[in-house]
Amino acid sequence: MSGFLGGFHNQNDTATLTATFKDANGRSLGTSKIGPVTARDRKSITGLLPRHATGSIPPSTHTVVLELSMKRVEPYYNDGYADNLTLVLNTR
């Protein structure tokens, strides 16, 4: 799973991508996430930073649910950014 995550200037609004692996009955078998990227990570510069996670798919996985969560910390606008989000599954 990968993507570019970031935000605006010195604001700590963030984005997090979470993958939840579920069995055939909808029960969670595990999760993986990328983010958040804070203003400190970005050195208070507006922009996006690459983030990625790798791992094994839990046995008995039937579905994967992706959730992009945008968290507003600063008032008025949510400036958590996300782009080019990708989930690649390999069978080896």
C-alpha atoms as a PDB file:
ATOM      1  CA  MET A   1       0.000   0.000   0.000  1.00  0.00           C
ATOM      2  CA  SER A   2       1.397   3.387  -0.870  1.00  0.00           C
ATOM      3  CA  GLY A   3       0.556   6.979  -1.539  1.00  0.00           C
ATOM      4  CA  PHE A   4       1.557  10.564  -1.105  1.00  0.00           C
ATOM      5  CA  LEU A   5       0.251  12.205   2.080  1.00  0.00           C
ATOM      6  CA  GLY A   6       0.715  15.722   3.359  1.00  0.00           C
ATOM      7  CA  GLY A   7      -0.785  19.042   4.210  1.00  0.00           C
ATOM      8  CA  PHE A   8      -0.628  22.824   4.187  1.00  0.00           C
ATOM      9  CA  HIS A   9       2.144  25.018   5.589  1.00  0.00           C
ATOM     10  CA  ASN A  10       2.491  24.668   9.390  1.00  0.00           C
ATOM     11  CA  GLN A  11      -0.987  23.190   9.919  1.00  0.00           C
ATOM     12  CA  ASN A  12      -1.281  19.695  11.415  1.00  0.00           C
ATOM     13  CA  ASP A  13      -4.341  18.570   9.454  1.00  0.00           C
ATOM     14  CA  THR A  14      -3.538  15.046   8.290  1.00  0.00           C
ATOM     15  CA  ALA A  15      -4.581  12.129   6.102  1.00  0.00           C
ATOM     16  CA  THR A  16      -4.286   8.424   6.967  1.00  0.00           C
ATOM     17  CA  LEU A  17      -5.046   5.447   4.721  1.00  0.00           C
ATOM     18  CA  THR A  18      -6.080   2.248   6.514  1.00  0.00           C
ATOM     19  CA  ALA A  19      -6.606  -1.196   4.976  1.00  0.00           C
ATOM     20  CA  THR A  20      -8.749  -3.590   7.025  1.00  0.00           C
ATOM     21  CA  PHE A  21      -8.583  -7.265   6.043  1.00  0.00           C
ATOM     22  CA  LYS A  22     -11.855  -9.129   6.680  1.00  0.00           C
ATOM     23  CA  ASP A  23     -12.962 -12.744   6.580  1.00  0.00           C
ATOM     24  CA  ALA A  24     -16.070 -14.027   4.780  1.00  0.00           C
ATOM     25  CA  ASN A  25     -18.211 -13.072   7.806  1.00  0.00           C
ATOM     26  CA  GLY A  26     -16.922  -9.492   7.899  1.00  0.00           C
ATOM     27  CA  ARG A  27     -14.715  -9.963  10.947  1.00  0.00           C
ATOM     28  CA  SER A  28     -11.472  -8.019  10.986  1.00  0.00           C
ATOM     29  CA  LEU A  29      -8.348 -10.148  10.587  1.00  0.00           C
ATOM     30  CA  GLY A  30      -5.924  -7.244  10.833  1.00  0.00           C
ATOM     31  CA  THR A  31      -5.106  -3.779   9.576  1.00  0.00           C
ATOM     32  CA  SER A  32      -2.308  -1.878   7.901  1.00  0.00           C
ATOM     33  CA  LYS A  33      -1.974   1.883   7.582  1.00  0.00           C
ATOM     34  CA  ILE A  34       0.100   4.671   6.135  1.00  0.00           C
ATOM     35  CA  GLY A  35       0.225   8.167   7.607  1.00  0.00           C
ATOM     36  CA  PRO A  36      -0.303  10.570   9.040  1.00  0.00           C
ATOM     37  CA  VAL A  37       2.262  13.098   7.776  1.00  0.00           C
ATOM     38  CA  THR A  38       2.542  16.037  10.172  1.00  0.00           C
ATOM     39  CA  ALA A  39       3.696  19.613   9.629  1.00  0.00           C
ATOM     40  CA  ARG A  40       6.925  18.639  11.379  1.00  0.00           C
ATOM     41  CA  ASP A  41       7.450  15.775   8.911  1.00  0.00           C
ATOM     42  CA  ARG A  42       7.006  18.291   6.072  1.00  0.00           C
ATOM     43  CA  LYS A  43       9.184  20.918   7.815  1.00  0.00           C
ATOM     44  CA  SER A  44       6.114  23.213   7.732  1.00  0.00           C
ATOM     45  CA  ILE A  45       6.195  23.264   3.932  1.00  0.00           C
ATOM     46  CA  THR A  46       3.018  22.671   1.911  1.00  0.00           C
ATOM     47  CA  GLY A  47       3.339  19.380   0.096  1.00  0.00           C
ATOM     48  CA  LEU A  48       3.088  15.617  -0.080  1.00  0.00           C
ATOM     49  CA  LEU A  49       5.527  12.953   1.125  1.00  0.00           C
ATOM     50  CA  PRO A  50       5.650   9.336  -0.039  1.00  0.00           C
ATOM     51  CA  ARG A  51       4.533   6.693   2.445  1.00  0.00           C
ATOM     52  CA  HIS A  52       4.254   2.926   2.067  1.00  0.00           C
ATOM     53  CA  ALA A  53       3.557  -0.258   3.996  1.00  0.00           C
ATOM     54  CA  THR A  54       4.264  -3.852   3.056  1.00  0.00           C
ATOM     55  CA  GLY A  55       3.261  -7.128   4.644  1.00  0.00           C
ATOM     56  CA  SER A  56       1.434 -10.377   4.295  1.00  0.00           C
ATOM     57  CA  ILE A  57      -2.281 -10.752   3.748  1.00  0.00           C
ATOM     58  CA  PRO A  58      -3.816 -12.522   6.759  1.00  0.00           C
ATOM     59  CA  PRO A  59      -4.989 -16.090   6.020  1.00  0.00           C
ATOM     60  CA  SER A  60      -8.735 -16.379   5.278  1.00  0.00           C
ATOM     61  CA  THR A  61      -8.951 -12.794   3.959  1.00  0.00           C
ATOM     62  CA  HIS A  62     -12.066 -12.445   1.826  1.00  0.00           C
ATOM     63  CA  THR A  63     -12.244  -8.659   1.421  1.00  0.00           C
ATOM     64  CA  VAL A  64     -10.120  -5.584   2.009  1.00  0.00           C
ATOM     65  CA  VAL A  65     -11.755  -2.328   3.076  1.00  0.00           C
ATOM     66  CA  LEU A  66      -9.811   0.879   2.415  1.00  0.00           C
ATOM     67  CA  GLU A  67     -10.585   3.986   4.435  1.00  0.00           C
ATOM     68  CA  LEU A  68      -9.053   7.396   3.866  1.00  0.00           C
ATOM     69  CA  SER A  69      -9.390   9.452   7.017  1.00  0.00           C
ATOM     70  CA  MET A  70      -8.853  13.206   6.920  1.00  0.00           C
ATOM     71  CA  LYS A  71      -8.325  14.786  10.348  1.00  0.00           C
ATOM     72  CA  ARG A  72      -8.849  18.520  10.779  1.00  0.00           C
ATOM     73  CA  VAL A  73      -6.781  19.993  13.611  1.00  0.00           C
ATOM     74  CA  GLU A  74      -6.672  23.631  12.548  1.00  0.00           C
ATOM     75  CA  PRO A  75      -9.874  25.704  12.362  1.00  0.00           C
ATOM     76  CA  TYR A  76     -11.896  26.441   9.218  1.00  0.00           C
ATOM     77  CA  TYR A  77     -10.531  24.036   6.565  1.00  0.00           C
ATOM     78  CA  ASN A  78      -9.275  20.465   6.438  1.00  0.00           C
ATOM     79  CA  ASP A  79      -5.904  20.637   4.729  1.00  0.00           C
ATOM     80  CA  GLY A  80      -4.958  16.972   4.973  1.00  0.00           C
ATOM     81  CA  TYR A  81      -3.815  15.936   1.500  1.00  0.00           C
ATOM     82  CA  ALA A  82      -3.655  12.543  -0.248  1.00  0.00           C
ATOM     83  CA  ASP A  83      -2.776  11.546  -3.814  1.00  0.00           C
ATOM     84  CA  ASN A  84      -1.879   8.472  -5.891  1.00  0.00           C
ATOM     85  CA  LEU A  85      -3.165   5.965  -3.309  1.00  0.00           C
ATOM     86  CA  THR A  86      -2.409   2.386  -4.331  1.00  0.00           C
ATOM     87  CA  LEU A  87      -3.062  -1.088  -2.963  1.00  0.00           C
ATOM     88  CA  VAL A  88      -1.259  -3.939  -4.727  1.00  0.00           C
ATOM     89  CA  LEU A  89      -1.960  -7.559  -3.815  1.00  0.00           C
ATOM     90  CA  ASN A  90       0.410 -10.297  -4.958  1.00  0.00           C
ATOM     91  CA  THR A  91      -0.098 -14.050  -4.796  1.00  0.00           C
ATOM     92  CA  ARG A  92       3.207 -15.790  -4.242  1.00  0.00           C
END
